[in-house]
Amino acid sequence: MLLERTLKGQQAKNPNLTVTLNRSDLEQVMGGQTTFDKLLAEGKVKFDGDL
């Protein structure tokens, strides 16, 4: 999996997937405390583009 990180206010020129979530939720995913599937079910993450 290739994950491109951007800074707030900056975007990749041609993204094929945009993931929108709070930083605290991302930290919970990285720490193994939750998953993207759970966040999606809770309405806390949005995927836009090619999955």
N, C-alpha and C. Protein backbone atom coordinates (compact mmCIF):
# COMPACT_ATOMS: atom_id res chain seq x y z
N MET A 1 0.85 -1.18 0.00
CA MET A 1 0.00 0.00 0.00
C MET A 1 0.89 1.23 0.00
N LEU A 2 0.61 2.14 -0.90
CA LEU A 2 1.33 3.40 -0.96
C LEU A 2 0.46 4.46 -0.33
N LEU A 3 0.98 5.14 0.65
CA LEU A 3 0.24 6.18 1.34
C LEU A 3 0.99 7.48 1.16
N GLU A 4 0.36 8.43 0.52
CA GLU A 4 0.98 9.74 0.32
C GLU A 4 0.39 10.70 1.32
N ARG A 5 1.24 11.29 2.11
CA ARG A 5 0.78 12.22 3.14
C ARG A 5 0.91 13.64 2.61
N THR A 6 -0.09 14.45 2.87
CA THR A 6 -0.01 15.85 2.50
C THR A 6 -0.20 16.70 3.73
N LEU A 7 0.28 17.91 3.68
CA LEU A 7 0.12 18.84 4.78
C LEU A 7 -1.19 19.59 4.64
N LYS A 8 -1.72 20.02 5.75
CA LYS A 8 -2.96 20.77 5.73
C LYS A 8 -2.83 21.96 4.78
N GLY A 9 -3.82 22.09 3.91
CA GLY A 9 -3.80 23.19 2.95
C GLY A 9 -3.08 22.85 1.66
N GLN A 10 -2.49 21.67 1.56
CA GLN A 10 -1.81 21.25 0.35
C GLN A 10 -2.42 19.94 -0.12
N GLN A 11 -2.43 19.74 -1.43
CA GLN A 11 -3.01 18.53 -1.99
C GLN A 11 -2.10 17.97 -3.07
N ALA A 12 -2.17 16.65 -3.26
CA ALA A 12 -1.48 16.02 -4.38
C ALA A 12 -2.12 16.51 -5.67
N LYS A 13 -1.34 16.60 -6.74
CA LYS A 13 -1.85 17.13 -8.00
C LYS A 13 -2.92 16.25 -8.62
N ASN A 14 -2.75 14.94 -8.60
CA ASN A 14 -3.70 14.02 -9.21
C ASN A 14 -3.99 12.83 -8.29
N PRO A 15 -4.65 13.07 -7.16
CA PRO A 15 -4.91 11.94 -6.25
C PRO A 15 -5.95 10.99 -6.85
N ASN A 16 -5.79 9.69 -6.59
CA ASN A 16 -6.81 8.74 -7.02
C ASN A 16 -7.69 8.30 -5.85
N LEU A 17 -7.30 8.69 -4.65
CA LEU A 17 -8.11 8.42 -3.47
C LEU A 17 -7.83 9.50 -2.43
N THR A 18 -8.89 10.04 -1.88
CA THR A 18 -8.76 11.00 -0.79
C THR A 18 -9.43 10.40 0.44
N VAL A 19 -8.71 10.39 1.56
CA VAL A 19 -9.23 9.88 2.82
C VAL A 19 -9.30 11.07 3.78
N THR A 20 -10.49 11.32 4.31
CA THR A 20 -10.68 12.45 5.21
C THR A 20 -11.09 11.94 6.59
N LEU A 21 -10.31 12.31 7.61
CA LEU A 21 -10.61 11.94 8.98
C LEU A 21 -9.84 12.84 9.92
N ASN A 22 -10.23 12.84 11.18
CA ASN A 22 -9.53 13.61 12.19
C ASN A 22 -8.19 12.97 12.51
N ARG A 23 -7.23 13.78 12.87
CA ARG A 23 -5.90 13.29 13.23
C ARG A 23 -5.98 12.28 14.38
N SER A 24 -6.82 12.56 15.36
CA SER A 24 -6.92 11.65 16.52
C SER A 24 -7.44 10.28 16.10
N ASP A 25 -8.35 10.24 15.12
CA ASP A 25 -8.85 8.95 14.63
C ASP A 25 -7.76 8.21 13.86
N LEU A 26 -6.98 8.93 13.07
CA LEU A 26 -5.86 8.31 12.35
C LEU A 26 -4.86 7.71 13.34
N GLU A 27 -4.57 8.43 14.40
CA GLU A 27 -3.64 7.92 15.41
C GLU A 27 -4.17 6.64 16.06
N GLN A 28 -5.49 6.54 16.24
CA GLN A 28 -6.08 5.32 16.80
C GLN A 28 -5.93 4.15 15.83
N VAL A 29 -6.08 4.42 14.53
CA VAL A 29 -5.87 3.36 13.53
C VAL A 29 -4.42 2.91 13.56
N MET A 30 -3.50 3.85 13.57
CA MET A 30 -2.07 3.51 13.56
C MET A 30 -1.67 2.77 14.83
N GLY A 31 -2.35 3.06 15.94
CA GLY A 31 -2.06 2.41 17.21
C GLY A 31 -2.78 1.08 17.40
N GLY A 32 -3.58 0.68 16.41
CA GLY A 32 -4.28 -0.59 16.50
C GLY A 32 -5.51 -0.57 17.39
N GLN A 33 -5.96 0.63 17.78
CA GLN A 33 -7.11 0.74 18.67
C GLN A 33 -8.44 0.69 17.92
N THR A 34 -8.40 0.95 16.60
CA THR A 34 -9.60 0.90 15.77
C THR A 34 -9.17 0.60 14.34
N THR A 35 -10.14 0.50 13.45
CA THR A 35 -9.85 0.23 12.03
C THR A 35 -10.60 1.24 11.17
N PHE A 36 -10.18 1.34 9.91
CA PHE A 36 -10.90 2.20 8.98
C PHE A 36 -12.33 1.71 8.80
N ASP A 37 -12.54 0.40 8.81
CA ASP A 37 -13.89 -0.15 8.68
C ASP A 37 -14.80 0.34 9.81
N LYS A 38 -14.28 0.32 11.03
CA LYS A 38 -15.07 0.78 12.17
C LYS A 38 -15.35 2.27 12.08
N LEU A 39 -14.34 3.04 11.69
CA LEU A 39 -14.53 4.48 11.55
C LEU A 39 -15.54 4.80 10.45
N LEU A 40 -15.52 4.04 9.37
CA LEU A 40 -16.48 4.23 8.29
C LEU A 40 -17.90 3.95 8.78
N ALA A 41 -18.07 2.88 9.53
CA ALA A 41 -19.38 2.52 10.07
C ALA A 41 -19.90 3.60 11.04
N GLU A 42 -18.98 4.27 11.72
CA GLU A 42 -19.34 5.32 12.67
C GLU A 42 -19.47 6.69 12.01
N GLY A 43 -19.19 6.76 10.72
CA GLY A 43 -19.27 8.04 10.00
C GLY A 43 -18.13 8.98 10.30
N LYS A 44 -17.00 8.44 10.74
CA LYS A 44 -15.86 9.27 11.13
C LYS A 44 -14.78 9.37 10.07
N VAL A 45 -14.93 8.63 8.97
CA VAL A 45 -13.95 8.69 7.89
C VAL A 45 -14.70 8.71 6.57
N LYS A 46 -14.12 9.42 5.60
CA LYS A 46 -14.73 9.50 4.28
C LYS A 46 -13.69 9.12 3.24
N PHE A 47 -14.06 8.22 2.33
CA PHE A 47 -13.21 7.82 1.22
C PHE A 47 -13.83 8.38 -0.05
N ASP A 48 -13.02 9.04 -0.87
CA ASP A 48 -13.52 9.61 -2.10
C ASP A 48 -12.55 9.26 -3.22
N GLY A 49 -12.98 8.47 -4.19
CA GLY A 49 -12.13 8.09 -5.31
C GLY A 49 -12.09 6.59 -5.49
N ASP A 50 -10.97 6.12 -6.04
CA ASP A 50 -10.80 4.69 -6.32
C ASP A 50 -10.38 3.95 -5.07
N LEU A 51 -11.18 2.97 -4.68
CA LEU A 51 -10.82 2.15 -3.50
C LEU A 51 -10.12 0.91 -3.92
